Amino acid sequence: MDLNDFVKNFAEQFDDTDPELINANTKFHNLEEWSSLTAMSVIALVKASYGKTITGAELRSCVTVKDVFDLISSK
């Protein structure tokens, strides 16, 4: 799994946020568009694209996009 590819896939979960604004260090909870629905999309992305399962609590504990990447990589 590549960090740059993951950031791109993560950014695609947002409809109204410019993907250029999202990078590995983005504090995604601070994005205006972040919501529980976006969180569910990220959880589904992780399952479908990477074959890993993360919980809402695990996702909430992450601060940056790289934290999510690291979480998935550790599973």
C-alpha atoms as a PDB file:
ATOM      1  CA  MET A   1       0.000   0.000   0.000  1.00  0.00           C
ATOM      2  CA  ASP A   2       1.377   3.365  -1.063  1.00  0.00           C
ATOM      3  CA  LEU A   3       0.779   6.533   0.987  1.00  0.00           C
ATOM      4  CA  ASN A   4       0.252   8.752  -2.065  1.00  0.00           C
ATOM      5  CA  ASP A   5      -2.322   6.369  -3.534  1.00  0.00           C
ATOM      6  CA  PHE A   6      -4.092   6.162  -0.192  1.00  0.00           C
ATOM      7  CA  VAL A   7      -4.236   9.972   0.106  1.00  0.00           C
ATOM      8  CA  LYS A   8      -5.745  10.147  -3.392  1.00  0.00           C
ATOM      9  CA  ASN A   9      -8.354   7.488  -2.544  1.00  0.00           C
ATOM     10  CA  PHE A  10      -9.107   9.205   0.778  1.00  0.00           C
ATOM     11  CA  ALA A  11      -9.579  12.572  -0.979  1.00  0.00           C
ATOM     12  CA  GLU A  12     -12.047  10.982  -3.425  1.00  0.00           C
ATOM     13  CA  GLN A  13     -14.438  10.370  -0.512  1.00  0.00           C
ATOM     14  CA  PHE A  14     -15.156  14.107  -0.408  1.00  0.00           C
ATOM     15  CA  ASP A  15     -17.563  15.556  -2.965  1.00  0.00           C
ATOM     16  CA  ASP A  16     -17.071  19.280  -2.377  1.00  0.00           C
ATOM     17  CA  THR A  17     -13.531  19.502  -1.024  1.00  0.00           C
ATOM     18  CA  ASP A  18     -10.757  20.182  -3.533  1.00  0.00           C
ATOM     19  CA  PRO A  19      -8.520  17.063  -3.557  1.00  0.00           C
ATOM     20  CA  GLU A  20      -5.493  19.375  -3.714  1.00  0.00           C
ATOM     21  CA  LEU A  21      -6.312  20.472  -0.144  1.00  0.00           C
ATOM     22  CA  ILE A  22      -5.902  16.949   1.186  1.00  0.00           C
ATOM     23  CA  ASN A  23      -2.448  15.529   1.837  1.00  0.00           C
ATOM     24  CA  ALA A  24      -0.849  13.145   4.320  1.00  0.00           C
ATOM     25  CA  ASN A  25      -0.693  15.843   7.015  1.00  0.00           C
ATOM     26  CA  THR A  26      -4.277  17.063   6.609  1.00  0.00           C
ATOM     27  CA  LYS A  27      -6.232  17.079   9.872  1.00  0.00           C
ATOM     28  CA  PHE A  28      -9.290  15.631   8.204  1.00  0.00           C
ATOM     29  CA  HIS A  29     -11.665  16.143  11.152  1.00  0.00           C
ATOM     30  CA  ASN A  30     -11.215  19.892  10.564  1.00  0.00           C
ATOM     31  CA  LEU A  31     -12.439  19.743   6.975  1.00  0.00           C
ATOM     32  CA  GLU A  32     -15.816  21.414   6.597  1.00  0.00           C
ATOM     33  CA  GLU A  33     -17.202  18.451   4.670  1.00  0.00           C
ATOM     34  CA  TRP A  34     -16.133  15.826   7.253  1.00  0.00           C
ATOM     35  CA  SER A  35     -19.173  14.065   8.709  1.00  0.00           C
ATOM     36  CA  SER A  36     -20.302  10.680   9.923  1.00  0.00           C
ATOM     37  CA  LEU A  37     -21.303   9.844   6.339  1.00  0.00           C
ATOM     38  CA  THR A  38     -17.807  10.641   5.105  1.00  0.00           C
ATOM     39  CA  ALA A  39     -16.410   8.503   7.906  1.00  0.00           C
ATOM     40  CA  MET A  40     -18.587   5.599   6.764  1.00  0.00           C
ATOM     41  CA  SER A  41     -17.306   6.116   3.210  1.00  0.00           C
ATOM     42  CA  VAL A  42     -13.715   5.926   4.441  1.00  0.00           C
ATOM     43  CA  ILE A  43     -14.454   2.758   6.436  1.00  0.00           C
ATOM     44  CA  ALA A  44     -16.061   1.211   3.332  1.00  0.00           C
ATOM     45  CA  LEU A  45     -13.100   2.304   1.181  1.00  0.00           C
ATOM     46  CA  VAL A  46     -10.664   0.624   3.559  1.00  0.00           C
ATOM     47  CA  LYS A  47     -12.649  -2.622   3.479  1.00  0.00           C
ATOM     48  CA  ALA A  48     -13.211  -2.672  -0.298  1.00  0.00           C
ATOM     49  CA  SER A  49      -9.815  -1.429  -1.467  1.00  0.00           C
ATOM     50  CA  TYR A  50      -7.462  -2.749   1.181  1.00  0.00           C
ATOM     51  CA  GLY A  51      -9.332  -5.719   2.663  1.00  0.00           C
ATOM     52  CA  LYS A  52      -8.952  -4.352   6.193  1.00  0.00           C
ATOM     53  CA  THR A  53     -11.569  -3.461   8.792  1.00  0.00           C
ATOM     54  CA  ILE A  54     -11.377  -0.309  10.895  1.00  0.00           C
ATOM     55  CA  THR A  55     -13.937   0.880  13.409  1.00  0.00           C
ATOM     56  CA  GLY A  56     -15.433   4.310  13.849  1.00  0.00           C
ATOM     57  CA  ALA A  57     -13.609   4.617  17.164  1.00  0.00           C
ATOM     58  CA  GLU A  58     -10.282   3.830  15.495  1.00  0.00           C
ATOM     59  CA  LEU A  59     -10.982   6.394  12.780  1.00  0.00           C
ATOM     60  CA  ARG A  60     -11.942   9.027  15.385  1.00  0.00           C
ATOM     61  CA  SER A  61      -8.615   8.434  17.161  1.00  0.00           C
ATOM     62  CA  CYS A  62      -6.718   9.392  14.002  1.00  0.00           C
ATOM     63  CA  VAL A  63      -5.784  13.045  13.522  1.00  0.00           C
ATOM     64  CA  THR A  64      -4.179  13.145  10.078  1.00  0.00           C
ATOM     65  CA  VAL A  65      -4.708  11.215   6.873  1.00  0.00           C
ATOM     66  CA  LYS A  66      -1.305   9.580   7.487  1.00  0.00           C
ATOM     67  CA  ASP A  67      -2.583   8.385  10.874  1.00  0.00           C
ATOM     68  CA  VAL A  68      -5.355   6.530   9.039  1.00  0.00           C
ATOM     69  CA  PHE A  69      -2.797   5.104   6.618  1.00  0.00           C
ATOM     70  CA  ASP A  70      -0.624   3.958   9.529  1.00  0.00           C
ATOM     71  CA  LEU A  71      -3.645   2.400  11.245  1.00  0.00           C
ATOM     72  CA  ILE A  72      -4.498   0.388   8.132  1.00  0.00           C
ATOM     73  CA  SER A  73      -0.863  -0.590   7.613  1.00  0.00           C
ATOM     74  CA  SER A  74      -0.662  -1.927  11.165  1.00  0.00           C
ATOM     75  CA  LYS A  75      -3.536  -4.371  10.627  1.00  0.00           C
END
